[in-house]
Amino acid sequence: MRRRAAQKKMEPLGPVLQKALKRRHVPFDLEEKRILALWDQAVGPQIAAQTRPSRIRARTLFVAVSTSVWMQQLHFLKENIIRQFNSLAQKEEIRNIFFSLGRVDARPTTSSAPPPSSASEASRSLKKRDLQMIADCTKHIADEELREIVKRVMTKEISRRRLSETG
């Protein structure tokens, strides 16, 4: 007669699924997924649109960044991001962030741009040559969002100067 194998204790599905996926080299960590979901909230919509967190290893968060310009800026913000991230996680989840260039799929963001009326009011106080200069200076900027930001800044600055000249 054959002996029956001793039955094992029941295990929760999460760890069983994690082991099975690990054997097939498919990374899947529920806790890591929960932590990575905090990224957008920690950095805000503008940075989140240019970045994608990929994994956490040895308390280092690995993040893909869309351009080298964004990567440089994020290096300056790294300590603040770590602090904000750990604050949201309510414990020290990460100690370092490793930024690398990578593919970041576009997703909709909420624009922090001022209402069009304020920009159009400022542009009305500009002379025709000022508007032409702004157009010439910004026409070579490939990133549409950045181009609009530079136009707004230039418009406001020139308008401010015009007002101080008359006042």
C-alpha atoms as a PDB file:
ATOM      1  CA  MET A   1       0.000   0.000   0.000  1.00  0.00           C
ATOM      2  CA  ARG A   2       0.987   3.561  -0.724  1.00  0.00           C
ATOM      3  CA  ARG A   3       1.375   6.026   2.061  1.00  0.00           C
ATOM      4  CA  ARG A   4      -0.224   9.354   1.776  1.00  0.00           C
ATOM      5  CA  ALA A   5       2.085  12.345   1.883  1.00  0.00           C
ATOM      6  CA  ALA A   6       1.674  14.400   4.986  1.00  0.00           C
ATOM      7  CA  GLN A   7      -0.493  17.387   4.287  1.00  0.00           C
ATOM      8  CA  LYS A   8       1.176  20.739   4.681  1.00  0.00           C
ATOM      9  CA  LYS A   9      -0.367  23.636   6.506  1.00  0.00           C
ATOM     10  CA  MET A  10      -2.376  26.051   4.436  1.00  0.00           C
ATOM     11  CA  GLU A  11      -0.369  29.080   3.288  1.00  0.00           C
ATOM     12  CA  PRO A  12      -1.676  32.483   2.275  1.00  0.00           C
ATOM     13  CA  LEU A  13      -2.011  32.888  -1.478  1.00  0.00           C
ATOM     14  CA  GLY A  14       0.257  35.978  -1.703  1.00  0.00           C
ATOM     15  CA  PRO A  15       3.502  34.248  -0.638  1.00  0.00           C
ATOM     16  CA  VAL A  16       2.681  31.117  -2.683  1.00  0.00           C
ATOM     17  CA  LEU A  17       2.074  33.211  -5.794  1.00  0.00           C
ATOM     18  CA  GLN A  18       5.230  35.203  -5.137  1.00  0.00           C
ATOM     19  CA  LYS A  19       7.341  32.006  -4.886  1.00  0.00           C
ATOM     20  CA  ALA A  20       5.848  30.576  -8.070  1.00  0.00           C
ATOM     21  CA  LEU A  21       6.494  33.760 -10.019  1.00  0.00           C
ATOM     22  CA  LYS A  22      10.010  34.054  -8.595  1.00  0.00           C
ATOM     23  CA  ARG A  23      10.842  30.540  -9.854  1.00  0.00           C
ATOM     24  CA  ARG A  24       9.816  31.692 -13.335  1.00  0.00           C
ATOM     25  CA  HIS A  25      11.872  34.896 -12.961  1.00  0.00           C
ATOM     26  CA  VAL A  26       8.821  37.160 -12.929  1.00  0.00           C
ATOM     27  CA  PRO A  27       9.313  39.908 -10.344  1.00  0.00           C
ATOM     28  CA  PHE A  28       6.203  40.437  -8.240  1.00  0.00           C
ATOM     29  CA  ASP A  29       6.241  41.900  -4.772  1.00  0.00           C
ATOM     30  CA  LEU A  30       2.970  43.148  -3.329  1.00  0.00           C
ATOM     31  CA  GLU A  31       4.678  45.323  -0.721  1.00  0.00           C
ATOM     32  CA  GLU A  32       6.964  46.820  -3.361  1.00  0.00           C
ATOM     33  CA  LYS A  33       3.962  47.571  -5.595  1.00  0.00           C
ATOM     34  CA  ARG A  34       2.274  49.362  -2.697  1.00  0.00           C
ATOM     35  CA  ILE A  35       5.396  51.414  -2.046  1.00  0.00           C
ATOM     36  CA  LEU A  36       5.930  52.284  -5.722  1.00  0.00           C
ATOM     37  CA  ALA A  37       2.338  53.518  -5.893  1.00  0.00           C
ATOM     38  CA  LEU A  38       3.345  56.345  -3.528  1.00  0.00           C
ATOM     39  CA  TRP A  39       5.716  57.842  -6.121  1.00  0.00           C
ATOM     40  CA  ASP A  40       3.170  60.043  -7.934  1.00  0.00           C
ATOM     41  CA  GLN A  41       1.878  61.413  -4.670  1.00  0.00           C
ATOM     42  CA  ALA A  42       5.392  62.060  -3.318  1.00  0.00           C
ATOM     43  CA  VAL A  43       6.704  63.970  -6.345  1.00  0.00           C
ATOM     44  CA  GLY A  44       3.565  65.595  -7.750  1.00  0.00           C
ATOM     45  CA  PRO A  45       2.031  65.424 -11.229  1.00  0.00           C
ATOM     46  CA  GLN A  46       4.693  67.366 -13.147  1.00  0.00           C
ATOM     47  CA  ILE A  47       7.614  65.165 -12.054  1.00  0.00           C
ATOM     48  CA  ALA A  48       5.484  62.011 -12.160  1.00  0.00           C
ATOM     49  CA  ALA A  49       4.751  62.690 -15.831  1.00  0.00           C
ATOM     50  CA  GLN A  50       8.494  62.613 -16.594  1.00  0.00           C
ATOM     51  CA  THR A  51       9.454  59.626 -14.426  1.00  0.00           C
ATOM     52  CA  ARG A  52       8.588  55.971 -13.724  1.00  0.00           C
ATOM     53  CA  PRO A  53       9.719  54.104 -10.604  1.00  0.00           C
ATOM     54  CA  SER A  54      10.668  50.537 -11.497  1.00  0.00           C
ATOM     55  CA  ARG A  55      11.880  48.675  -8.411  1.00  0.00           C
ATOM     56  CA  ILE A  56      13.353  48.892  -4.932  1.00  0.00           C
ATOM     57  CA  ARG A  57      16.521  46.970  -4.076  1.00  0.00           C
ATOM     58  CA  ALA A  58      18.445  47.344  -0.821  1.00  0.00           C
ATOM     59  CA  ARG A  59      16.425  50.467   0.053  1.00  0.00           C
ATOM     60  CA  THR A  60      17.391  52.117  -3.235  1.00  0.00           C
ATOM     61  CA  LEU A  61      14.544  53.231  -5.470  1.00  0.00           C
ATOM     62  CA  PHE A  62      15.307  52.900  -9.187  1.00  0.00           C
ATOM     63  CA  VAL A  63      13.554  55.499 -11.335  1.00  0.00           C
ATOM     64  CA  ALA A  64      13.508  55.912 -15.130  1.00  0.00           C
ATOM     65  CA  VAL A  65      13.592  59.549 -16.263  1.00  0.00           C
ATOM     66  CA  SER A  66      12.501  60.852 -19.674  1.00  0.00           C
ATOM     67  CA  THR A  67      15.403  63.266 -20.374  1.00  0.00           C
ATOM     68  CA  SER A  68      18.838  64.132 -19.062  1.00  0.00           C
ATOM     69  CA  VAL A  69      17.614  67.622 -18.176  1.00  0.00           C
ATOM     70  CA  TRP A  70      14.953  66.171 -15.883  1.00  0.00           C
ATOM     71  CA  MET A  71      17.483  63.744 -14.439  1.00  0.00           C
ATOM     72  CA  GLN A  72      19.847  66.608 -13.547  1.00  0.00           C
ATOM     73  CA  GLN A  73      17.042  68.558 -11.887  1.00  0.00           C
ATOM     74  CA  LEU A  74      15.908  65.495  -9.923  1.00  0.00           C
ATOM     75  CA  HIS A  75      19.419  65.002  -8.536  1.00  0.00           C
ATOM     76  CA  PHE A  76      19.063  68.410  -6.870  1.00  0.00           C
ATOM     77  CA  LEU A  77      15.677  67.403  -5.441  1.00  0.00           C
ATOM     78  CA  LYS A  78      16.703  63.889  -4.365  1.00  0.00           C
ATOM     79  CA  GLU A  79      16.889  64.501  -0.596  1.00  0.00           C
ATOM     80  CA  ASN A  80      13.507  66.257  -0.546  1.00  0.00           C
ATOM     81  CA  ILE A  81      11.931  63.467  -2.590  1.00  0.00           C
ATOM     82  CA  ILE A  82      13.331  60.794  -0.241  1.00  0.00           C
ATOM     83  CA  ARG A  83      12.005  62.693   2.778  1.00  0.00           C
ATOM     84  CA  GLN A  84       8.544  63.147   1.213  1.00  0.00           C
ATOM     85  CA  PHE A  85       8.407  59.530   0.019  1.00  0.00           C
ATOM     86  CA  ASN A  86       9.317  58.105   3.437  1.00  0.00           C
ATOM     87  CA  SER A  87       6.850  60.459   5.096  1.00  0.00           C
ATOM     88  CA  LEU A  88       4.031  59.117   2.917  1.00  0.00           C
ATOM     89  CA  ALA A  89       5.131  55.518   3.540  1.00  0.00           C
ATOM     90  CA  GLN A  90       5.176  56.330   7.291  1.00  0.00           C
ATOM     91  CA  LYS A  91       8.560  54.612   7.687  1.00  0.00           C
ATOM     92  CA  GLU A  92      11.993  54.684   6.129  1.00  0.00           C
ATOM     93  CA  GLU A  93      11.403  52.691   2.955  1.00  0.00           C
ATOM     94  CA  ILE A  94      14.182  54.185   0.841  1.00  0.00           C
ATOM     95  CA  ARG A  95      17.581  55.695   1.587  1.00  0.00           C
ATOM     96  CA  ASN A  96      18.672  56.493  -1.962  1.00  0.00           C
ATOM     97  CA  ILE A  97      17.235  57.062  -5.417  1.00  0.00           C
ATOM     98  CA  PHE A  98      19.024  55.976  -8.582  1.00  0.00           C
ATOM     99  CA  PHE A  99      17.901  57.916 -11.641  1.00  0.00           C
ATOM    100  CA  SER A 100      18.560  56.603 -15.150  1.00  0.00           C
ATOM    101  CA  LEU A 101      17.408  57.577 -18.607  1.00  0.00           C
ATOM    102  CA  GLY A 102      14.604  55.383 -19.806  1.00  0.00           C
ATOM    103  CA  ARG A 103      11.332  55.204 -21.626  1.00  0.00           C
ATOM    104  CA  VAL A 104       8.575  57.067 -19.862  1.00  0.00           C
ATOM    105  CA  ASP A 105       5.175  56.734 -21.494  1.00  0.00           C
ATOM    106  CA  ALA A 106       3.198  59.954 -21.563  1.00  0.00           C
ATOM    107  CA  ARG A 107       0.227  60.289 -19.298  1.00  0.00           C
ATOM    108  CA  PRO A 108      -2.090  63.202 -18.714  1.00  0.00           C
ATOM    109  CA  THR A 109      -1.058  65.800 -16.168  1.00  0.00           C
ATOM    110  CA  THR A 110      -2.894  68.635 -14.549  1.00  0.00           C
ATOM    111  CA  SER A 111      -1.423  71.871 -15.779  1.00  0.00           C
ATOM    112  CA  SER A 112      -0.409  74.501 -13.276  1.00  0.00           C
ATOM    113  CA  ALA A 113      -0.489  77.153 -15.980  1.00  0.00           C
ATOM    114  CA  PRO A 114      -2.307  80.361 -15.226  1.00  0.00           C
ATOM    115  CA  PRO A 115      -5.663  80.962 -16.908  1.00  0.00           C
ATOM    116  CA  PRO A 116      -5.356  82.083 -20.530  1.00  0.00           C
ATOM    117  CA  SER A 117      -6.922  85.449 -19.748  1.00  0.00           C
ATOM    118  CA  SER A 118      -3.983  86.570 -17.565  1.00  0.00           C
ATOM    119  CA  ALA A 119      -1.454  85.614 -20.266  1.00  0.00           C
ATOM    120  CA  SER A 120      -3.472  87.369 -22.947  1.00  0.00           C
ATOM    121  CA  GLU A 121      -3.766  90.493 -20.764  1.00  0.00           C
ATOM    122  CA  ALA A 122       0.014  90.586 -20.377  1.00  0.00           C
ATOM    123  CA  SER A 123       0.594  90.001 -24.095  1.00  0.00           C
ATOM    124  CA  ARG A 124      -1.752  92.950 -24.944  1.00  0.00           C
ATOM    125  CA  SER A 125       0.650  95.340 -23.220  1.00  0.00           C
ATOM    126  CA  LEU A 126       3.522  94.114 -25.426  1.00  0.00           C
ATOM    127  CA  LYS A 127       4.594  95.741 -28.635  1.00  0.00           C
ATOM    128  CA  LYS A 128       4.591  93.881 -31.941  1.00  0.00           C
ATOM    129  CA  ARG A 129       8.410  93.612 -31.935  1.00  0.00           C
ATOM    130  CA  ASP A 130       8.297  92.086 -28.404  1.00  0.00           C
ATOM    131  CA  LEU A 131       5.885  89.402 -29.541  1.00  0.00           C
ATOM    132  CA  GLN A 132       8.082  88.695 -32.584  1.00  0.00           C
ATOM    133  CA  MET A 133      11.181  88.428 -30.374  1.00  0.00           C
ATOM    134  CA  ILE A 134       9.433  85.944 -28.064  1.00  0.00           C
ATOM    135  CA  ALA A 135       8.300  83.866 -31.050  1.00  0.00           C
ATOM    136  CA  ASP A 136      11.830  83.868 -32.527  1.00  0.00           C
ATOM    137  CA  CYS A 137      13.428  82.896 -29.208  1.00  0.00           C
ATOM    138  CA  THR A 138      11.044  80.008 -28.527  1.00  0.00           C
ATOM    139  CA  LYS A 139      10.481  78.519 -31.981  1.00  0.00           C
ATOM    140  CA  HIS A 140      13.453  76.136 -31.636  1.00  0.00           C
ATOM    141  CA  ILE A 141      12.305  74.630 -28.329  1.00  0.00           C
ATOM    142  CA  ALA A 142      11.110  71.130 -29.188  1.00  0.00           C
ATOM    143  CA  ASP A 143       9.193  70.404 -25.982  1.00  0.00           C
ATOM    144  CA  GLU A 144       5.790  72.094 -26.359  1.00  0.00           C
ATOM    145  CA  GLU A 145       5.184  72.407 -22.616  1.00  0.00           C
ATOM    146  CA  LEU A 146       8.594  73.962 -22.038  1.00  0.00           C
ATOM    147  CA  ARG A 147       8.101  76.318 -25.000  1.00  0.00           C
ATOM    148  CA  GLU A 148       4.811  77.590 -23.523  1.00  0.00           C
ATOM    149  CA  ILE A 149       6.405  78.072 -20.110  1.00  0.00           C
ATOM    150  CA  VAL A 150       9.278  80.097 -21.608  1.00  0.00           C
ATOM    151  CA  LYS A 151       6.792  82.203 -23.607  1.00  0.00           C
ATOM    152  CA  ARG A 152       4.784  82.946 -20.444  1.00  0.00           C
ATOM    153  CA  VAL A 153       7.897  83.886 -18.488  1.00  0.00           C
ATOM    154  CA  MET A 154       9.197  86.142 -21.259  1.00  0.00           C
ATOM    155  CA  THR A 155       5.780  87.770 -21.672  1.00  0.00           C
ATOM    156  CA  LYS A 156       5.478  88.470 -17.948  1.00  0.00           C
ATOM    157  CA  GLU A 157       9.025  89.807 -17.676  1.00  0.00           C
ATOM    158  CA  ILE A 158       8.725  92.132 -20.668  1.00  0.00           C
ATOM    159  CA  SER A 159       5.313  93.319 -19.436  1.00  0.00           C
ATOM    160  CA  ARG A 160       6.764  93.987 -15.987  1.00  0.00           C
ATOM    161  CA  ARG A 161       9.593  96.016 -17.530  1.00  0.00           C
ATOM    162  CA  ARG A 162       7.142  97.993 -19.681  1.00  0.00           C
ATOM    163  CA  LEU A 163       5.064  98.833 -16.616  1.00  0.00           C
ATOM    164  CA  SER A 164       8.131  99.936 -14.621  1.00  0.00           C
ATOM    165  CA  GLU A 165       9.230 102.167 -17.534  1.00  0.00           C
ATOM    166  CA  THR A 166       5.877 103.963 -17.590  1.00  0.00           C
ATOM    167  CA  GLY A 167       5.460 104.064 -13.807  1.00  0.00           C
END
